[in-house]
Amino acid sequence: MSQAKWNLVVDVANCTNCNNCTLAVQDEHVGNAFPGYAAEMPKHGHRWIDIKRRERGQGTMTDVGYLPTMCQHCDDAPCMAAAQNGAITKRPDGIVVIDPEKSKGQKQIVDACPYGAVFWNEELNIPQAWFFDAHLIDAGWTEPRCVDVCPTGALRSLKVDDAKMAKVVEDEGLEPLRLDLNTRPRVHYRNLWRYAKCFIGGTVSAECDGVVDCVEGARVVLRHAGEIVAETETDGFGDFKIDRLNPDSGDYTVEFLVDG
């Protein structure tokens, strides 16, 4: 029977930037050392769970996406490759732990993380990161504190085997934070487009008998490199929005088709 391993699912569309997860980690680790797992977290400068913010759009059509980031608990972890003397271990349950004693002086571990999720504790001369609250898991908790305190369901932990997790990834359309890195992370993102993609939107209006009014039900066609990539209609306010477009993907043409 295959080994069950821990995974974290982050739903970007549900994150409201409340920072409960960030504060829970600080409450757990600032001033508290857990031998074998982690030394104390500094009161300032560390955000083992950090929420990135991105504003999309301009003018009257904007939205903001929030992206919780943390140690990705990669199966092919660059930090492990950079560590010396067994300073980082990958547990059988998938959790990556930086040993607070063996990692002393190994600042290269911080530099090796392509996600920026490992922090340097200057006072203690050690690298530190969120270790999935392994100390609580080992004490019988069924989920890490960040999941327990999330009020919107943006964070969800799963302990399943790899085959089951692969099915969850497929069924829910999950994806890694950085597909290009190929680190096989155990943190999976849902609705990542809310942070990573772009949209084209606006308002359609027309003048009739000297009166300018919004146009409802106008057909909007979006073309890229001569091909139709999306279609939609304007709403009752004449607004339209076509989302999930790749950034820096070149020029687009928008066509509006209206009766009359």
Protein backbone atom coordinates (compact mmCIF):
# COMPACT_ATOMS: atom_id res chain seq x y z
CA MET A 1 0.00 0.00 0.00
CA SER A 2 1.41 3.41 -0.97
CA GLN A 3 2.35 5.98 1.64
CA ALA A 4 -0.15 8.74 2.44
CA LYS A 5 1.45 12.18 2.24
CA TRP A 6 0.45 15.69 3.20
CA ASN A 7 -0.64 18.22 0.57
CA LEU A 8 -1.99 21.75 0.80
CA VAL A 9 -4.60 23.17 -1.58
CA VAL A 10 -4.74 26.97 -1.91
CA ASP A 11 -7.85 28.44 -3.54
CA VAL A 12 -6.77 31.90 -4.70
CA ALA A 13 -10.36 32.92 -5.46
CA ASN A 14 -11.31 32.41 -1.80
CA CYS A 15 -8.42 34.32 -0.23
CA THR A 16 -9.52 37.71 1.12
CA ASN A 17 -6.16 38.79 2.56
CA CYS A 18 -7.41 38.47 6.14
CA ASN A 19 -3.92 37.26 7.16
CA ASN A 20 -5.29 34.78 9.71
CA CYS A 21 -2.89 32.14 8.36
CA THR A 22 0.09 34.48 8.64
CA LEU A 23 -0.85 35.49 12.18
CA ALA A 24 -1.45 31.89 13.23
CA VAL A 25 2.08 30.97 12.18
CA GLN A 26 3.50 33.95 14.06
CA ASP A 27 1.44 33.13 17.14
CA GLU A 28 2.69 29.55 17.05
CA HIS A 29 6.37 30.27 16.47
CA VAL A 30 7.33 33.75 17.69
CA GLY A 31 8.86 33.18 21.11
CA ASN A 32 8.40 29.42 20.87
CA ALA A 33 11.05 26.86 19.98
CA PHE A 34 10.19 23.29 19.05
CA PRO A 35 13.36 21.18 19.32
CA GLY A 36 13.87 18.91 16.35
CA TYR A 37 11.48 20.99 14.24
CA ALA A 38 12.35 24.69 14.44
CA ALA A 39 13.88 27.39 16.60
CA GLU A 40 11.99 30.55 17.52
CA MET A 41 10.65 32.66 14.68
CA PRO A 42 11.80 36.31 14.77
CA LYS A 43 9.11 38.81 15.69
CA HIS A 44 9.89 40.93 12.63
CA GLY A 45 11.10 40.23 9.11
CA HIS A 46 9.80 36.70 8.65
CA ARG A 47 6.53 35.75 6.95
CA TRP A 48 6.62 31.97 6.71
CA ILE A 49 3.18 32.26 5.16
CA ASP A 50 3.04 35.40 3.06
CA ILE A 51 0.12 36.78 1.05
CA LYS A 52 1.12 38.46 -2.20
CA ARG A 53 -1.19 41.10 -3.68
CA ARG A 54 -1.77 41.94 -7.33
CA GLU A 55 -4.12 44.58 -8.72
CA ARG A 56 -5.39 43.88 -12.22
CA GLY A 57 -7.03 46.33 -14.60
CA GLN A 58 -7.27 50.09 -14.46
CA GLY A 59 -9.75 52.91 -14.13
CA THR A 60 -13.20 51.76 -13.07
CA MET A 61 -12.58 48.11 -13.93
CA THR A 62 -10.13 46.64 -11.44
CA ASP A 63 -9.88 43.68 -9.13
CA VAL A 64 -7.29 42.44 -6.66
CA GLY A 65 -6.00 38.90 -6.34
CA TYR A 66 -4.36 37.54 -3.19
CA LEU A 67 -1.83 34.72 -3.33
CA PRO A 68 -0.84 32.85 -0.15
CA THR A 69 2.74 31.61 -0.49
CA MET A 70 4.79 29.36 1.75
CA CYS A 71 7.29 26.49 1.65
CA GLN A 72 6.04 24.29 -1.18
CA HIS A 73 7.34 21.02 0.37
CA CYS A 74 8.76 20.00 -2.99
CA ASP A 75 9.53 16.38 -3.74
CA ASP A 76 12.52 17.63 -5.75
CA ALA A 77 13.41 20.41 -3.34
CA PRO A 78 16.27 22.71 -4.46
CA CYS A 79 16.92 23.57 -0.81
CA MET A 80 17.68 19.91 -0.05
CA ALA A 81 20.16 19.78 -2.92
CA ALA A 82 21.92 22.87 -1.57
CA ALA A 83 21.96 21.74 2.07
CA GLN A 84 24.95 20.05 3.68
CA ASN A 85 25.29 17.55 6.52
CA GLY A 86 21.69 16.38 6.27
CA ALA A 87 20.37 19.79 7.34
CA ILE A 88 17.08 19.26 5.46
CA THR A 89 15.00 16.10 5.46
CA LYS A 90 11.96 15.01 3.48
CA ARG A 91 9.75 13.00 5.79
CA PRO A 92 7.88 9.92 4.59
CA ASP A 93 4.65 11.94 4.88
CA GLY A 94 5.98 14.53 2.39
CA ILE A 95 6.84 17.31 4.84
CA VAL A 96 10.17 19.12 4.42
CA VAL A 97 11.89 20.06 7.69
CA ILE A 98 15.00 22.25 8.13
CA ASP A 99 16.93 21.04 11.16
CA PRO A 100 17.58 24.07 13.42
CA GLU A 101 20.93 22.67 14.59
CA LYS A 102 22.40 21.09 11.46
CA SER A 103 21.49 24.09 9.28
CA LYS A 104 23.51 26.65 11.23
CA GLY A 105 25.50 28.92 8.94
CA GLN A 106 24.02 27.47 5.75
CA LYS A 107 22.71 30.63 4.15
CA GLN A 108 22.89 28.97 0.73
CA ILE A 109 19.66 27.19 1.67
CA VAL A 110 17.83 30.53 1.57
CA ASP A 111 19.28 31.38 -1.83
CA ALA A 112 18.39 27.95 -3.24
CA CYS A 113 14.62 28.32 -2.77
CA PRO A 114 13.16 29.63 -6.06
CA TYR A 115 9.89 30.52 -4.29
CA GLY A 116 11.50 32.87 -1.77
CA ALA A 117 9.90 30.85 1.02
CA VAL A 118 13.02 30.29 3.17
CA PHE A 119 14.03 33.09 5.54
CA TRP A 120 17.34 33.81 7.23
CA ASN A 121 17.33 34.19 11.00
CA GLU A 122 20.24 36.59 11.50
CA GLU A 123 20.31 36.28 15.27
CA LEU A 124 20.41 32.47 15.31
CA ASN A 125 22.36 32.13 12.03
CA ILE A 126 19.92 29.61 10.55
CA PRO A 127 17.46 29.31 7.62
CA GLN A 128 13.78 28.84 8.52
CA ALA A 129 10.52 28.07 6.69
CA TRP A 130 6.96 26.90 7.35
CA PHE A 131 7.20 23.18 8.07
CA PHE A 132 3.51 22.29 7.75
CA ASP A 133 3.18 22.45 11.54
CA ALA A 134 4.72 18.99 11.67
CA HIS A 135 5.04 19.28 15.46
CA LEU A 136 1.25 19.60 15.72
CA ILE A 137 0.61 16.88 13.15
CA ASP A 138 2.85 14.53 15.15
CA ALA A 139 0.89 15.46 18.28
CA GLY A 140 -2.37 14.35 16.69
CA TRP A 141 -3.66 17.44 14.87
CA THR A 142 -5.60 16.60 11.71
CA GLU A 143 -4.55 19.80 9.92
CA PRO A 144 -2.01 22.62 10.33
CA ARG A 145 -3.04 25.78 12.18
CA CYS A 146 -3.22 27.90 9.03
CA VAL A 147 -5.96 25.62 7.67
CA ASP A 148 -7.75 25.54 11.01
CA VAL A 149 -8.03 29.34 11.21
CA CYS A 150 -8.85 30.11 7.55
CA PRO A 151 -12.43 31.51 7.58
CA THR A 152 -13.06 31.30 3.83
CA GLY A 153 -11.83 27.81 2.98
CA ALA A 154 -8.94 29.19 0.94
CA LEU A 155 -6.62 26.63 2.55
CA ARG A 156 -7.27 22.89 2.69
CA SER A 157 -4.92 20.10 3.75
CA LEU A 158 -5.11 16.54 2.46
CA LYS A 159 -3.20 13.45 3.56
CA VAL A 160 -3.59 10.98 0.70
CA ASP A 161 -1.37 8.82 -1.47
CA ASP A 162 0.08 10.20 -4.68
CA ALA A 163 -2.44 8.43 -6.93
CA LYS A 164 -5.37 9.92 -5.00
CA MET A 165 -3.77 13.38 -5.03
CA ALA A 166 -3.20 13.16 -8.78
CA LYS A 167 -6.94 12.50 -9.17
CA VAL A 168 -7.76 15.52 -6.99
CA VAL A 169 -5.42 17.68 -9.08
CA GLU A 170 -7.14 16.57 -12.27
CA ASP A 171 -10.70 16.84 -10.98
CA GLU A 172 -10.26 20.29 -9.43
CA GLY A 173 -7.94 21.77 -12.05
CA LEU A 174 -5.12 22.37 -9.59
CA GLU A 175 -1.72 23.59 -10.71
CA PRO A 176 1.68 24.37 -9.19
CA LEU A 177 2.70 27.91 -8.36
CA ARG A 178 5.57 27.73 -10.87
CA LEU A 179 5.17 24.98 -13.44
CA ASP A 180 8.48 25.94 -15.05
CA LEU A 181 10.49 25.02 -11.96
CA ASN A 182 9.51 21.34 -12.03
CA THR A 183 10.14 20.90 -8.30
CA ARG A 184 7.05 18.69 -7.80
CA PRO A 185 5.59 20.77 -4.95
CA ARG A 186 3.01 19.48 -2.48
CA VAL A 187 1.26 22.85 -2.38
CA HIS A 188 -1.33 23.01 -5.16
CA TYR A 189 -3.21 26.09 -6.37
CA ARG A 190 -6.78 26.46 -7.52
CA ASN A 191 -7.96 29.49 -9.51
CA LEU A 192 -4.37 30.70 -9.84
CA TRP A 193 -5.53 32.75 -12.83
CA ARG A 194 -7.06 35.25 -10.39
CA TYR A 195 -3.51 36.32 -9.62
CA ALA A 196 -1.42 35.22 -12.59
CA LYS A 197 -3.55 35.99 -15.67
CA CYS A 198 -4.80 39.19 -17.32
CA PHE A 199 -8.15 40.39 -18.61
CA ILE A 200 -9.52 42.71 -21.28
CA GLY A 201 -12.69 44.59 -20.40
CA GLY A 202 -14.61 47.78 -20.86
CA THR A 203 -17.99 49.39 -21.45
CA VAL A 204 -19.88 49.70 -24.73
CA SER A 205 -22.09 52.74 -25.25
CA ALA A 206 -23.83 54.30 -28.24
CA GLU A 207 -25.44 57.60 -29.12
CA CYS A 208 -29.04 57.54 -30.33
CA ASP A 209 -31.06 60.70 -30.96
CA GLY A 210 -28.51 62.72 -29.03
CA VAL A 211 -28.60 60.43 -26.01
CA VAL A 212 -25.60 58.29 -25.01
CA ASP A 213 -26.59 55.05 -23.32
CA CYS A 214 -24.97 51.71 -22.52
CA VAL A 215 -25.47 48.88 -24.98
CA GLU A 216 -26.76 45.64 -23.53
CA GLY A 217 -26.33 42.34 -25.36
CA ALA A 218 -23.61 43.49 -27.74
CA ARG A 219 -21.54 40.58 -29.03
CA VAL A 220 -17.86 41.00 -28.13
CA VAL A 221 -15.27 39.05 -30.12
CA LEU A 222 -11.65 38.90 -29.04
CA ARG A 223 -9.03 38.04 -31.65
CA HIS A 224 -5.36 37.22 -31.23
CA ALA A 225 -3.07 36.72 -34.22
CA GLY A 226 -6.18 36.77 -36.43
CA GLU A 227 -7.88 33.91 -34.57
CA ILE A 228 -10.97 34.17 -32.34
CA VAL A 229 -9.85 33.33 -28.79
CA ALA A 230 -12.98 34.33 -26.84
CA GLU A 231 -16.51 35.68 -27.19
CA THR A 232 -18.94 37.20 -24.73
CA GLU A 233 -21.84 39.70 -24.48
CA THR A 234 -22.19 43.00 -22.67
CA ASP A 235 -24.34 43.03 -19.56
CA GLY A 236 -27.11 45.44 -18.59
CA PHE A 237 -24.57 48.16 -17.92
CA GLY A 238 -22.81 47.65 -21.24
CA ASP A 239 -19.83 46.06 -19.48
CA PHE A 240 -17.82 43.09 -20.71
CA LYS A 241 -14.80 41.22 -19.37
CA ILE A 242 -12.71 38.45 -20.93
CA ASP A 243 -10.34 36.89 -18.41
CA ARG A 244 -7.59 34.26 -18.11
CA LEU A 245 -5.36 35.78 -20.81
CA ASN A 246 -1.62 35.20 -20.63
CA PRO A 247 0.47 38.23 -19.66
CA ASP A 248 2.82 39.67 -22.28
CA SER A 249 1.04 37.68 -25.00
CA GLY A 250 1.00 40.46 -27.58
CA ASP A 251 -1.71 42.55 -29.23
CA TYR A 252 -5.41 41.73 -29.30
CA THR A 253 -8.29 43.05 -31.40
CA VAL A 254 -11.73 43.57 -29.90
CA GLU A 255 -14.79 43.62 -32.18
CA PHE A 256 -18.27 44.77 -31.16
CA LEU A 257 -21.29 43.55 -33.08
CA VAL A 258 -24.59 45.28 -32.38
CA ASP A 259 -27.91 45.14 -34.20
CA GLY A 260 -28.40 48.35 -36.16
